[in-house]
Amino acid sequence: MNITGLKNKTVPACFLLLGIFAHRNGLCREYMNELPAPQTLQPEFIPEYNVNVILNGRMLKSRIPIRITHHHYLVPRVYLDHKIPVPKSQLPVDSKHVVDITAIVGIKTRYDAGQHALVIDVPPEWLPRQSLSASDTDESIDYSNASGVALDYDVYVSHNRWLDAGSLYLGGRFFTGSGYLFASGLASQARLRGSAFSATQYIRYQTYYRQYFADSDTALILGDFVSDGGEWDSGVRMGGISFRKAYQLSPAKNIYQSPSIRGTARAPSIVDIFMDNRKIASDSVDSGPYEINNLPFINGAGQVTVVTTDKLGNKTNETVQLYKTSSLLAAGINQFSANLGYLRYNYGYGDSKYHNLAFSGYLSRGITPTLTHVLFMQNASRLLMAGTGINFLVAPVGTFSLTGAASSDNELTRRNGGKAELGYSYANQHVNLSYNHSQYSRGYTDLGSYGYQADGFSLAPTRSIDQVWLSYQWRNAVTLGIGYFYIRPYENSVYSMGNISLSLPTFLHGDLSLGVSAYNASGHDLMMMLNWSLPLGSCARAQYTFEHSSPGNRNSVNLTWGGYGPQKTHIDLQATKEETGYRNQRASIYHSSRYANLSGGLYGSNDKTYWLEGSGTVTILDGAIQFNRDSQGAFVLVNAGIPDLPYYSGGNLEGRTDSRGYGFIDNIQAGTPIEISLDPTHLPVDYRARRYRKKVRLYPQSGTEVNFGGEKAFPASFRLVDGAGHAIPAGSVVKDEDSGNSTFIGYHGTGFVYMENDRPVILSIYHGVGSTCRIVLHRRDFASQRGTPPTYTCR
């Protein structure tokens, strides 16, 4: 290769590269020394920030885009319309999209850099009213849909010198959760001693199917029922169909007029309500107007003290006069009943007769918190009755009621009539006063008296009825009561009765009652009574009663011991002597066992009558038959699976399980969630339960079984060490791979599990980050240790 030629070609190339580099370096230096002028922002440009909003001391959830210029805060108008309550009269008309919030009269604003928030204070009266409830609301727990059978029974037998008698009552219900089928009746027999006379009778009481609809608080009845007229009209027995409101399905719902506390908080505060120096309600409120409803308040007039405490501890006190009554419905609440069927006669006496197709119904509505209106009507083939009424409150004077109705009856002869009623009531902490006047025309008729003339019965018409009642209770528990009744029929003489009673505490923690009654049912008569009761220890009581009337004087002494209720015994002894020389003695004993209620005794003078009675409820749930004490309402069958273990409802002790591990809770309040629980501190060492508490909610007349999964198990205590022989750290998690239950390692590596039968238990131990091991427990490992816990190595 020619080296000289290669050198001659390389030199020009180097000069070319050097020239290119020098040119580019010069261009860069020229560009850096001559930067273009910066681009200036337009004068109308204002930066936008997304900030938090603190409205009257409360941080709102959403952020707001704002623009800031010279300490003026520009806020989107749509945000003011939906998030910040500003009266439209305060907003500028010409601002369609953005509003300068600092220019609105009444609003104070500032920017808090620490919280990156726009702090806004508006007058509290601009804020929407907060509606709060002082009463506890029930948890959202579904109704139990358990199906089963409950048979109520009552057996009674008596014996004396002349007569042997006995009776059997049966009332069975088949429930399917929201509905139940019910039938009841009484069979009785009586036989005269020493003769061939005997009488046997069967009376059917009721047969019906009732279906509840919890979503609408209503009930449908097919069969026998009593028509529901509310407080406006009397009910009658019918056989047919009924549809009515059933607010017992929602006990937490406030359906009656209830006083409320209204106020305005300048800042987020705590509102405490006191009555008689006792706190009855407490709630937290935000800044602005508030209203607290459903106060736990006694009926009648009273006053409460409202104490408002803000975040800085400033307190304000206010005394408020209130009035509460259950005769008024809450505003917007409806009550109704519609009943169609045949009227039922001779109920409880013999074979019932059904005839005269009839309709009965009413509709009442709370118009305002102080006004309730009602419409009611009854109709049969030859009867029409319709009426209306109102209840209204004039606080603090009391409540008034006005009712009027007209009827047209053509059962035998044409009769037209009407009725008018006026009522008044007032109550407070010490006084209870009520008055009622009813006026009837001679031809007034309703379903309560319809159909009897055709059977040959004649009911004497009533012209008017007046009733007044007054009671006053002093702070020392002394109570005075005055009552008066005056009835004027169209025929015969008037009937009146007056009563004065006085009740007061005495020495030795006793109670003394005095009463005087005067009436003129058959001439004028005066009756007086004195009753003095003294406790004898914690479970016994002695009582003396003196009575005076036209037949003469009567003296009675009564001794009682024990109490009524689940698994309790009660003994009652009484001796009576009359002025005529007649003496009477009575003795009885009552015992409520786990399986039935048993009672017996005697009464009479020289020839005593001896009697025995037993009652209870037989339940069939999940194919298991169980005998229990009587319960004609909703019930819970407790299946703990563990004998002699305390069980509770709502925290109250109900009893202890029997030898089979069963318990029974009767008369559960329907519609209200209630917690059924066991006491694990009384759990035998060789038993365990899968759960210890459960909440249930029952329909009326239904039942359910609560299974706690109790079972006999072997308590296995062991010790865990690592590969070096050191105890596993306390707090390490031990998980049973079969059941999924977890527990923790204690000090010195000790652990505890229950072993069922002889089946081995696989445990996973988590004792550090990423540190896991498994061990297998065998029953034989514990049998050979003679009380010493076995040690397992966790590798």
Foldseek 3Di string as FASTA:
>chain_A
DDPVVVVVVVVVVVVVVVVVVVVVVVVVVVCVVCDDDDDDDDPPDFDKDWAWEQEQNRTDDGTFIWTDDPNWIKGFPVCCVPPNQDDPVQFDPPDHTIGRVVPGPQKDWDADPVRRYIYIYHAQASDDAAEAEFDDAFDPDDADQFWWKKKWKKKKWKDFDFKTKIKMKIWMWTGGFQKIWIWIKMWMKMDTPPDPDMDIAIATFWTWMKGADLVQQKIKIAAWDWFDPDPFDGTFIFHGIKIWGHCLLGVVDQFAQWDKDKDFASAWKKKFKDFPNHTQGIDTDGGHIYMYTDTPDDAFKDKIWIWIAHPVGDIDIDIDIDHGDRVATAAFHKTKMKDWGFGWPPRPNHDIDTHWTKIWMKMKHHNHSFKIKMKIWMDTPFKTKIKIKMWGADPNQWIKIKIKMKMWGPQPHTFIWMKIKIKTWGDDPFKTKIKMKMAIDQRDDHPVPPPVVVVPDDDFAWGMKIKIKMKGADPQRKMKIKIKIWTHTPDDHIKIKIKIKIWHADPQRKIKIKMWMWIQPPHIKIKIKIKIKHADPDFKIKMWMWMQIPVFIKIKIKIKGWDDDAQIKIKIWMWMATPVGFIKIWIKMWGHYQFWIKMWIWMDGPIIMTMIMIIWMWMAGPNDIGGGYHAQKEKEKEQAQAFQWWKDKQPHTRGTAHPRRIGMDHDDSANHKIKIFTDCVPGDPQKDWPDGIDIHHGHIRYYYYDYRRMDGWAKAKAFEAEPVRFGQDWQKWKAWPPPRDIDTQHPRRMDIDTHDDQDKTKIWTGRDVVQIFIDIDGPVQVVPPVPDHYYDYGD
